[in-house]
Amino acid sequence: MQKHIVSLFLLILLFWNFLTFLLMVIDKHKAKKGKWRIRERTLLTCSFFMGGIGIFLGMVIARHKTKHKKFQILVPISLVENGLILIWIVDSFLRI
């Protein structure tokens, strides 16, 4: 049962990071078109709420927000935070 919960959690996490990646791609597209943008605060919040991989991949693949110091510093921190939380959650469920 616990392994199923962990598998479901990882699947949801994968989907969430796909969505955060799409947010970066959409924001990049809007920036090019001069349209309404997604707030930096929203992108960074998504990064710290387990979406760090998606935001990071959006930075690298879409070349978006790569020159912003805020993103250069906070996204790697969010990746470490996401990793620690992931380890804690998986470890907690597999110990039961």
PDB file of N, CA and C in Angstrom:
ATOM      1  N   MET A   1       0.823  -1.199   0.000  1.00  0.00           N
ATOM      2  CA  MET A   1       0.000   0.000   0.000  1.00  0.00           C
ATOM      3  C   MET A   1       0.866   1.262   0.000  1.00  0.00           C
ATOM      4  N   GLN A   2       1.917   1.286   0.829  1.00  0.00           N
ATOM      5  CA  GLN A   2       2.752   2.475   0.913  1.00  0.00           C
ATOM      6  C   GLN A   2       3.459   2.757  -0.410  1.00  0.00           C
ATOM      7  N   LYS A   3       3.887   1.688  -1.100  1.00  0.00           N
ATOM      8  CA  LYS A   3       4.573   1.886  -2.366  1.00  0.00           C
ATOM      9  C   LYS A   3       3.634   2.483  -3.401  1.00  0.00           C
ATOM     10  N   HIS A   4       2.346   2.136  -3.328  1.00  0.00           N
ATOM     11  CA  HIS A   4       1.362   2.714  -4.243  1.00  0.00           C
ATOM     12  C   HIS A   4       1.186   4.202  -3.968  1.00  0.00           C
ATOM     13  N   ILE A   5       1.196   4.577  -2.696  1.00  0.00           N
ATOM     14  CA  ILE A   5       1.066   5.989  -2.329  1.00  0.00           C
ATOM     15  C   ILE A   5       2.282   6.765  -2.821  1.00  0.00           C
ATOM     16  N   VAL A   6       3.463   6.203  -2.636  1.00  0.00           N
ATOM     17  CA  VAL A   6       4.686   6.852  -3.106  1.00  0.00           C
ATOM     18  C   VAL A   6       4.657   6.979  -4.632  1.00  0.00           C
ATOM     19  N   SER A   7       4.221   5.935  -5.321  1.00  0.00           N
ATOM     20  CA  SER A   7       4.129   5.974  -6.784  1.00  0.00           C
ATOM     21  C   SER A   7       3.147   7.035  -7.241  1.00  0.00           C
ATOM     22  N   LEU A   8       2.007   7.133  -6.579  1.00  0.00           N
ATOM     23  CA  LEU A   8       1.020   8.161  -6.912  1.00  0.00           C
ATOM     24  C   LEU A   8       1.587   9.551  -6.663  1.00  0.00           C
ATOM     25  N   PHE A   9       2.259   9.718  -5.538  1.00  0.00           N
ATOM     26  CA  PHE A   9       2.874  11.004  -5.220  1.00  0.00           C
ATOM     27  C   PHE A   9       3.896  11.397  -6.288  1.00  0.00           C
ATOM     28  N   LEU A  10       4.723  10.454  -6.704  1.00  0.00           N
ATOM     29  CA  LEU A  10       5.733  10.750  -7.727  1.00  0.00           C
ATOM     30  C   LEU A  10       5.096  11.083  -9.070  1.00  0.00           C
ATOM     31  N   LEU A  11       3.990  10.443  -9.389  1.00  0.00           N
ATOM     32  CA  LEU A  11       3.267  10.744 -10.626  1.00  0.00           C
ATOM     33  C   LEU A  11       2.678  12.159 -10.575  1.00  0.00           C
ATOM     34  N   ILE A  12       2.089  12.501  -9.443  1.00  0.00           N
ATOM     35  CA  ILE A  12       1.547  13.862  -9.271  1.00  0.00           C
ATOM     36  C   ILE A  12       2.671  14.884  -9.336  1.00  0.00           C
ATOM     37  N   LEU A  13       3.810  14.564  -8.736  1.00  0.00           N
ATOM     38  CA  LEU A  13       4.965  15.452  -8.759  1.00  0.00           C
ATOM     39  C   LEU A  13       5.478  15.660 -10.183  1.00  0.00           C
ATOM     40  N   LEU A  14       5.505  14.613 -10.956  1.00  0.00           N
ATOM     41  CA  LEU A  14       5.913  14.707 -12.357  1.00  0.00           C
ATOM     42  C   LEU A  14       4.961  15.619 -13.136  1.00  0.00           C
ATOM     43  N   PHE A  15       3.664  15.443 -12.944  1.00  0.00           N
ATOM     44  CA  PHE A  15       2.670  16.280 -13.615  1.00  0.00           C
ATOM     45  C   PHE A  15       2.815  17.736 -13.182  1.00  0.00           C
ATOM     46  N   TRP A  16       2.991  17.978 -11.886  1.00  0.00           N
ATOM     47  CA  TRP A  16       3.144  19.337 -11.361  1.00  0.00           C
ATOM     48  C   TRP A  16       4.368  20.018 -11.976  1.00  0.00           C
ATOM     49  N   ASN A  17       5.465  19.301 -12.085  1.00  0.00           N
ATOM     50  CA  ASN A  17       6.666  19.894 -12.671  1.00  0.00           C
ATOM     51  C   ASN A  17       6.504  20.138 -14.168  1.00  0.00           C
ATOM     52  N   PHE A  18       5.714  19.314 -14.840  1.00  0.00           N
ATOM     53  CA  PHE A  18       5.388  19.578 -16.236  1.00  0.00           C
ATOM     54  C   PHE A  18       4.600  20.886 -16.340  1.00  0.00           C
ATOM     55  N   LEU A  19       3.653  21.103 -15.422  1.00  0.00           N
ATOM     56  CA  LEU A  19       2.882  22.350 -15.422  1.00  0.00           C
ATOM     57  C   LEU A  19       3.763  23.563 -15.125  1.00  0.00           C
ATOM     58  N   THR A  20       4.686  23.434 -14.177  1.00  0.00           N
ATOM     59  CA  THR A  20       5.556  24.573 -13.871  1.00  0.00           C
ATOM     60  C   THR A  20       6.487  24.875 -15.043  1.00  0.00           C
ATOM     61  N   PHE A  21       6.919  23.841 -15.743  1.00  0.00           N
ATOM     62  CA  PHE A  21       7.706  24.042 -16.963  1.00  0.00           C
ATOM     63  C   PHE A  21       6.876  24.810 -17.992  1.00  0.00           C
ATOM     64  N   LEU A  22       5.614  24.411 -18.155  1.00  0.00           N
ATOM     65  CA  LEU A  22       4.734  25.104 -19.100  1.00  0.00           C
ATOM     66  C   LEU A  22       4.527  26.563 -18.705  1.00  0.00           C
ATOM     67  N   LEU A  23       4.445  26.848 -17.412  1.00  0.00           N
ATOM     68  CA  LEU A  23       4.321  28.240 -16.966  1.00  0.00           C
ATOM     69  C   LEU A  23       5.507  29.075 -17.453  1.00  0.00           C
ATOM     70  N   MET A  24       6.694  28.517 -17.364  1.00  0.00           N
ATOM     71  CA  MET A  24       7.884  29.245 -17.830  1.00  0.00           C
ATOM     72  C   MET A  24       7.842  29.449 -19.343  1.00  0.00           C
ATOM     73  N   VAL A  25       7.445  28.427 -20.081  1.00  0.00           N
ATOM     74  CA  VAL A  25       7.373  28.528 -21.542  1.00  0.00           C
ATOM     75  C   VAL A  25       6.307  29.544 -21.947  1.00  0.00           C
ATOM     76  N   ILE A  26       5.161  29.510 -21.275  1.00  0.00           N
ATOM     77  CA  ILE A  26       4.085  30.462 -21.577  1.00  0.00           C
ATOM     78  C   ILE A  26       4.540  31.886 -21.273  1.00  0.00           C
ATOM     79  N   ASP A  27       5.203  32.070 -20.121  1.00  0.00           N
ATOM     80  CA  ASP A  27       5.676  33.408 -19.765  1.00  0.00           C
ATOM     81  C   ASP A  27       6.709  33.915 -20.768  1.00  0.00           C
ATOM     82  N   LYS A  28       7.577  33.049 -21.229  1.00  0.00           N
ATOM     83  CA  LYS A  28       8.569  33.427 -22.242  1.00  0.00           C
ATOM     84  C   LYS A  28       7.860  33.863 -23.533  1.00  0.00           C
ATOM     85  N   HIS A  29       6.857  33.091 -23.936  1.00  0.00           N
ATOM     86  CA  HIS A  29       6.096  33.418 -25.146  1.00  0.00           C
ATOM     87  C   HIS A  29       5.397  34.773 -24.991  1.00  0.00           C
ATOM     88  N   LYS A  30       4.799  34.997 -23.828  1.00  0.00           N
ATOM     89  CA  LYS A  30       4.120  36.271 -23.580  1.00  0.00           C
ATOM     90  C   LYS A  30       5.110  37.429 -23.556  1.00  0.00           C
ATOM     91  N   ALA A  31       6.297  37.183 -23.043  1.00  0.00           N
ATOM     92  CA  ALA A  31       7.322  38.232 -23.009  1.00  0.00           C
ATOM     93  C   ALA A  31       7.704  38.646 -24.425  1.00  0.00           C
ATOM     94  N   LYS A  32       7.840  37.674 -25.302  1.00  0.00           N
ATOM     95  CA  LYS A  32       8.191  37.975 -26.689  1.00  0.00           C
ATOM     96  C   LYS A  32       7.094  38.761 -27.397  1.00  0.00           C
ATOM     97  N   LYS A  33       5.839  38.482 -27.035  1.00  0.00           N
ATOM     98  CA  LYS A  33       4.688  39.127 -27.675  1.00  0.00           C
ATOM     99  C   LYS A  33       4.290  40.429 -26.993  1.00  0.00           C
ATOM    100  N   GLY A  34       4.944  40.757 -25.888  1.00  0.00           N
ATOM    101  CA  GLY A  34       4.617  41.985 -25.156  1.00  0.00           C
ATOM    102  C   GLY A  34       3.265  41.925 -24.473  1.00  0.00           C
ATOM    103  N   LYS A  35       2.830  40.740 -24.082  1.00  0.00           N
ATOM    104  CA  LYS A  35       1.530  40.551 -23.442  1.00  0.00           C
ATOM    105  C   LYS A  35       1.668  40.474 -21.930  1.00  0.00           C
ATOM    106  N   TRP A  36       0.501  40.325 -21.268  1.00  0.00           N
ATOM    107  CA  TRP A  36       0.442  40.163 -19.830  1.00  0.00           C
ATOM    108  C   TRP A  36       1.303  38.991 -19.411  1.00  0.00           C
ATOM    109  N   ARG A  37       2.032  39.163 -18.301  1.00  0.00           N
ATOM    110  CA  ARG A  37       3.010  38.167 -17.866  1.00  0.00           C
ATOM    111  C   ARG A  37       2.597  37.491 -16.573  1.00  0.00           C
ATOM    112  N   ILE A  38       3.216  36.373 -16.316  1.00  0.00           N
ATOM    113  CA  ILE A  38       3.056  35.656 -15.049  1.00  0.00           C
ATOM    114  C   ILE A  38       4.024  36.286 -14.052  1.00  0.00           C
ATOM    115  N   ARG A  39       3.531  36.582 -12.866  1.00  0.00           N
ATOM    116  CA  ARG A  39       4.375  37.235 -11.856  1.00  0.00           C
ATOM    117  C   ARG A  39       5.579  36.373 -11.490  1.00  0.00           C
ATOM    118  N   GLU A  40       6.702  37.019 -11.272  1.00  0.00           N
ATOM    119  CA  GLU A  40       7.904  36.305 -10.824  1.00  0.00           C
ATOM    120  C   GLU A  40       7.632  35.610  -9.497  1.00  0.00           C
ATOM    121  N   ARG A  41       6.872  36.267  -8.640  1.00  0.00           N
ATOM    122  CA  ARG A  41       6.541  35.687  -7.337  1.00  0.00           C
ATOM    123  C   ARG A  41       5.792  34.365  -7.509  1.00  0.00           C
ATOM    124  N   THR A  42       4.892  34.323  -8.494  1.00  0.00           N
ATOM    125  CA  THR A  42       4.133  33.104  -8.761  1.00  0.00           C
ATOM    126  C   THR A  42       5.064  31.985  -9.226  1.00  0.00           C
ATOM    127  N   LEU A  43       5.967  32.303 -10.140  1.00  0.00           N
ATOM    128  CA  LEU A  43       6.909  31.311 -10.647  1.00  0.00           C
ATOM    129  C   LEU A  43       7.802  30.771  -9.524  1.00  0.00           C
ATOM    130  N   LEU A  44       8.300  31.663  -8.690  1.00  0.00           N
ATOM    131  CA  LEU A  44       9.180  31.235  -7.598  1.00  0.00           C
ATOM    132  C   LEU A  44       8.417  30.459  -6.524  1.00  0.00           C
ATOM    133  N   THR A  45       7.178  30.852  -6.260  1.00  0.00           N
ATOM    134  CA  THR A  45       6.352  30.114  -5.302  1.00  0.00           C
ATOM    135  C   THR A  45       6.121  28.696  -5.801  1.00  0.00           C
ATOM    136  N   CYS A  46       5.803  28.568  -7.076  1.00  0.00           N
ATOM    137  CA  CYS A  46       5.618  27.227  -7.673  1.00  0.00           C
ATOM    138  C   CYS A  46       6.900  26.413  -7.549  1.00  0.00           C
ATOM    139  N   SER A  47       8.030  27.086  -7.701  1.00  0.00           N
ATOM    140  CA  SER A  47       9.318  26.409  -7.599  1.00  0.00           C
ATOM    141  C   SER A  47       9.523  25.830  -6.199  1.00  0.00           C
ATOM    142  N   PHE A  48       9.192  26.606  -5.173  1.00  0.00           N
ATOM    143  CA  PHE A  48       9.390  26.153  -3.798  1.00  0.00           C
ATOM    144  C   PHE A  48       8.333  25.158  -3.342  1.00  0.00           C
ATOM    145  N   PHE A  49       7.184  25.112  -4.026  1.00  0.00           N
ATOM    146  CA  PHE A  49       6.152  24.126  -3.716  1.00  0.00           C
ATOM    147  C   PHE A  49       6.289  22.923  -4.641  1.00  0.00           C
ATOM    148  N   MET A  50       7.476  22.342  -4.638  1.00  0.00           N
ATOM    149  CA  MET A  50       7.805  21.095  -5.330  1.00  0.00           C
ATOM    150  C   MET A  50       7.798  21.203  -6.860  1.00  0.00           C
ATOM    151  N   GLY A  51       7.928  22.422  -7.402  1.00  0.00           N
ATOM    152  CA  GLY A  51       7.981  22.597  -8.847  1.00  0.00           C
ATOM    153  C   GLY A  51       9.334  23.068  -9.332  1.00  0.00           C
ATOM    154  N   GLY A  52      10.350  22.871  -8.526  1.00  0.00           N
ATOM    155  CA  GLY A  52      11.687  23.367  -8.853  1.00  0.00           C
ATOM    156  C   GLY A  52      12.276  22.795 -10.123  1.00  0.00           C
ATOM    157  N   ILE A  53      12.048  21.534 -10.383  1.00  0.00           N
ATOM    158  CA  ILE A  53      12.609  20.914 -11.585  1.00  0.00           C
ATOM    159  C   ILE A  53      11.982  21.526 -12.829  1.00  0.00           C
ATOM    160  N   GLY A  54      10.670  21.720 -12.806  1.00  0.00           N
ATOM    161  CA  GLY A  54       9.986  22.318 -13.952  1.00  0.00           C
ATOM    162  C   GLY A  54      10.431  23.745 -14.215  1.00  0.00           C
ATOM    163  N   ILE A  55      10.563  24.528 -13.156  1.00  0.00           N
ATOM    164  CA  ILE A  55      11.021  25.916 -13.311  1.00  0.00           C
ATOM    165  C   ILE A  55      12.456  25.930 -13.818  1.00  0.00           C
ATOM    166  N   PHE A  56      13.299  25.073 -13.252  1.00  0.00           N
ATOM    167  CA  PHE A  56      14.696  25.017 -13.690  1.00  0.00           C
ATOM    168  C   PHE A  56      14.793  24.615 -15.161  1.00  0.00           C
ATOM    169  N   LEU A  57      14.046  23.593 -15.552  1.00  0.00           N
ATOM    170  CA  LEU A  57      14.071  23.169 -16.951  1.00  0.00           C
ATOM    171  C   LEU A  57      13.529  24.266 -17.865  1.00  0.00           C
ATOM    172  N   GLY A  58      12.552  25.011 -17.389  1.00  0.00           N
ATOM    173  CA  GLY A  58      12.043  26.151 -18.152  1.00  0.00           C
ATOM    174  C   GLY A  58      13.107  27.219 -18.344  1.00  0.00           C
ATOM    175  N   MET A  59      13.909  27.425 -17.314  1.00  0.00           N
ATOM    176  CA  MET A  59      15.008  28.389 -17.429  1.00  0.00           C
ATOM    177  C   MET A  59      16.013  27.921 -18.480  1.00  0.00           C
ATOM    178  N   VAL A  60      16.361  26.652 -18.434  1.00  0.00           N
ATOM    179  CA  VAL A  60      17.402  26.120 -19.313  1.00  0.00           C
ATOM    180  C   VAL A  60      16.902  25.947 -20.742  1.00  0.00           C
ATOM    181  N   ILE A  61      15.771  25.277 -20.909  1.00  0.00           N
ATOM    182  CA  ILE A  61      15.281  24.952 -22.243  1.00  0.00           C
ATOM    183  C   ILE A  61      14.702  26.170 -22.955  1.00  0.00           C
ATOM    184  N   ALA A  62      13.879  26.962 -22.232  1.00  0.00           N
ATOM    185  CA  ALA A  62      13.268  28.135 -22.856  1.00  0.00           C
ATOM    186  C   ALA A  62      14.173  29.368 -22.763  1.00  0.00           C
ATOM    187  N   ARG A  63      15.292  29.225 -22.058  1.00  0.00           N
ATOM    188  CA  ARG A  63      16.202  30.351 -21.824  1.00  0.00           C
ATOM    189  C   ARG A  63      15.448  31.555 -21.263  1.00  0.00           C
ATOM    190  N   HIS A  64      14.715  31.287 -20.196  1.00  0.00           N
ATOM    191  CA  HIS A  64      13.857  32.302 -19.603  1.00  0.00           C
ATOM    192  C   HIS A  64      14.281  32.585 -18.171  1.00  0.00           C
ATOM    193  N   LYS A  65      14.403  33.843 -17.847  1.00  0.00           N
ATOM    194  CA  LYS A  65      14.768  34.330 -16.509  1.00  0.00           C
ATOM    195  C   LYS A  65      16.190  33.931 -16.105  1.00  0.00           C
ATOM    196  N   THR A  66      17.030  33.592 -17.053  1.00  0.00           N
ATOM    197  CA  THR A  66      18.375  33.118 -16.725  1.00  0.00           C
ATOM    198  C   THR A  66      19.303  34.235 -16.264  1.00  0.00           C
ATOM    199  N   LYS A  67      18.991  35.470 -16.596  1.00  0.00           N
ATOM    200  CA  LYS A  67      19.847  36.591 -16.198  1.00  0.00           C
ATOM    201  C   LYS A  67      19.355  37.292 -14.940  1.00  0.00           C
ATOM    202  N   HIS A  68      18.235  36.834 -14.403  1.00  0.00           N
ATOM    203  CA  HIS A  68      17.689  37.434 -13.194  1.00  0.00           C
ATOM    204  C   HIS A  68      18.368  36.829 -11.974  1.00  0.00           C
ATOM    205  N   LYS A  69      19.036  37.672 -11.194  1.00  0.00           N
ATOM    206  CA  LYS A  69      19.755  37.191  -9.995  1.00  0.00           C
ATOM    207  C   LYS A  69      18.824  36.434  -9.054  1.00  0.00           C
ATOM    208  N   LYS A  70      17.604  36.941  -8.930  1.00  0.00           N
ATOM    209  CA  LYS A  70      16.634  36.303  -8.044  1.00  0.00           C
ATOM    210  C   LYS A  70      16.420  34.840  -8.432  1.00  0.00           C
ATOM    211  N   PHE A  71      16.310  34.587  -9.722  1.00  0.00           N
ATOM    212  CA  PHE A  71      16.100  33.219 -10.200  1.00  0.00           C
ATOM    213  C   PHE A  71      17.392  32.403 -10.142  1.00  0.00           C
ATOM    214  N   GLN A  72      18.520  33.039 -10.407  1.00  0.00           N
ATOM    215  CA  GLN A  72      19.808  32.337 -10.344  1.00  0.00           C
ATOM    216  C   GLN A  72      20.091  31.822  -8.938  1.00  0.00           C
ATOM    217  N   ILE A  73      19.606  32.538  -7.938  1.00  0.00           N
ATOM    218  CA  ILE A  73      19.858  32.154  -6.548  1.00  0.00           C
ATOM    219  C   ILE A  73      18.741  31.266  -5.993  1.00  0.00           C
ATOM    220  N   LEU A  74      17.489  31.687  -6.183  1.00  0.00           N
ATOM    221  CA  LEU A  74      16.383  31.002  -5.527  1.00  0.00           C
ATOM    222  C   LEU A  74      15.980  29.673  -6.165  1.00  0.00           C
ATOM    223  N   VAL A  75      16.108  29.545  -7.469  1.00  0.00           N
ATOM    224  CA  VAL A  75      15.717  28.271  -8.095  1.00  0.00           C
ATOM    225  C   VAL A  75      16.632  27.128  -7.647  1.00  0.00           C
ATOM    226  N   PRO A  76      17.958  27.298  -7.625  1.00  0.00           N
ATOM    227  CA  PRO A  76      18.784  26.203  -7.083  1.00  0.00           C
ATOM    228  C   PRO A  76      18.479  25.887  -5.612  1.00  0.00           C
ATOM    229  N   ILE A  77      18.180  26.924  -4.830  1.00  0.00           N
ATOM    230  CA  ILE A  77      17.801  26.683  -3.432  1.00  0.00           C
ATOM    231  C   ILE A  77      16.510  25.873  -3.378  1.00  0.00           C
ATOM    232  N   SER A  78      15.563  26.205  -4.254  1.00  0.00           N
ATOM    233  CA  SER A  78      14.300  25.457  -4.272  1.00  0.00           C
ATOM    234  C   SER A  78      14.523  24.010  -4.690  1.00  0.00           C
ATOM    235  N   LEU A  79      15.477  23.767  -5.580  1.00  0.00           N
ATOM    236  CA  LEU A  79      15.784  22.392  -5.983  1.00  0.00           C
ATOM    237  C   LEU A  79      16.294  21.572  -4.799  1.00  0.00           C
ATOM    238  N   VAL A  80      17.156  22.170  -3.998  1.00  0.00           N
ATOM    239  CA  VAL A  80      17.664  21.483  -2.806  1.00  0.00           C
ATOM    240  C   VAL A  80      16.515  21.236  -1.831  1.00  0.00           C
ATOM    241  N   GLU A  81      15.690  22.253  -1.619  1.00  0.00           N
ATOM    242  CA  GLU A  81      14.543  22.123  -0.719  1.00  0.00           C
ATOM    243  C   GLU A  81      13.590  21.041  -1.212  1.00  0.00           C
ATOM    244  N   ASN A  82      13.298  21.040  -2.513  1.00  0.00           N
ATOM    245  CA  ASN A  82      12.418  20.019  -3.104  1.00  0.00           C
ATOM    246  C   ASN A  82      13.005  18.626  -2.894  1.00  0.00           C
ATOM    247  N   GLY A  83      14.298  18.489  -3.106  1.00  0.00           N
ATOM    248  CA  GLY A  83      14.956  17.196  -2.936  1.00  0.00           C
ATOM    249  C   GLY A  83      14.888  16.693  -1.505  1.00  0.00           C
ATOM    250  N   LEU A  84      15.124  17.585  -0.551  1.00  0.00           N
ATOM    251  CA  LEU A  84      15.059  17.191   0.863  1.00  0.00           C
ATOM    252  C   LEU A  84      13.650  16.778   1.261  1.00  0.00           C
ATOM    253  N   ILE A  85      12.655  17.524   0.796  1.00  0.00           N
ATOM    254  CA  ILE A  85      11.265  17.167   1.093  1.00  0.00           C
ATOM    255  C   ILE A  85      10.916  15.831   0.452  1.00  0.00           C
ATOM    256  N   LEU A  86      11.338  15.621  -0.774  1.00  0.00           N
ATOM    257  CA  LEU A  86      11.058  14.373  -1.475  1.00  0.00           C
ATOM    258  C   LEU A  86      11.682  13.184  -0.741  1.00  0.00           C
ATOM    259  N   ILE A  87      12.919  13.325  -0.323  1.00  0.00           N
ATOM    260  CA  ILE A  87      13.589  12.258   0.431  1.00  0.00           C
ATOM    261  C   ILE A  87      12.841  11.972   1.722  1.00  0.00           C
ATOM    262  N   TRP A  88      12.437  13.027   2.423  1.00  0.00           N
ATOM    263  CA  TRP A  88      11.725  12.865   3.687  1.00  0.00           C
ATOM    264  C   TRP A  88      10.394  12.152   3.478  1.00  0.00           C
ATOM    265  N   ILE A  89       9.629  12.557   2.448  1.00  0.00           N
ATOM    266  CA  ILE A  89       8.321  11.950   2.195  1.00  0.00           C
ATOM    267  C   ILE A  89       8.461  10.485   1.810  1.00  0.00           C
ATOM    268  N   VAL A  90       9.334  10.191   0.877  1.00  0.00           N
ATOM    269  CA  VAL A  90       9.516   8.809   0.421  1.00  0.00           C
ATOM    270  C   VAL A  90      10.008   7.940   1.587  1.00  0.00           C
ATOM    271  N   ASP A  91      10.979   8.443   2.334  1.00  0.00           N
ATOM    272  CA  ASP A  91      11.510   7.704   3.481  1.00  0.00           C
ATOM    273  C   ASP A  91      10.429   7.450   4.522  1.00  0.00           C
ATOM    274  N   SER A  92       9.604   8.460   4.784  1.00  0.00           N
ATOM    275  CA  SER A  92       8.542   8.320   5.777  1.00  0.00           C
ATOM    276  C   SER A  92       7.531   7.263   5.373  1.00  0.00           C
ATOM    277  N   PHE A  93       7.137   7.248   4.109  1.00  0.00           N
ATOM    278  CA  PHE A  93       6.151   6.279   3.658  1.00  0.00           C
ATOM    279  C   PHE A  93       6.716   4.865   3.568  1.00  0.00           C
ATOM    280  N   LEU A  94       7.974   4.741   3.214  1.00  0.00           N
ATOM    281  CA  LEU A  94       8.549   3.405   3.072  1.00  0.00           C
ATOM    282  C   LEU A  94       8.910   2.799   4.420  1.00  0.00           C
ATOM    283  N   ARG A  95       9.017   3.600   5.457  1.00  0.00           N
ATOM    284  CA  ARG A  95       9.315   3.069   6.788  1.00  0.00           C
ATOM    285  C   ARG A  95       8.098   2.445   7.434  1.00  0.00           C
ATOM    286  N   ILE A  96       6.919   2.892   7.040  1.00  0.00           N
ATOM    287  CA  ILE A  96       5.675   2.429   7.673  1.00  0.00           C
ATOM    288  C   ILE A  96       5.445   0.953   7.380  1.00  0.00           C
TER     289      ILE A  96
END
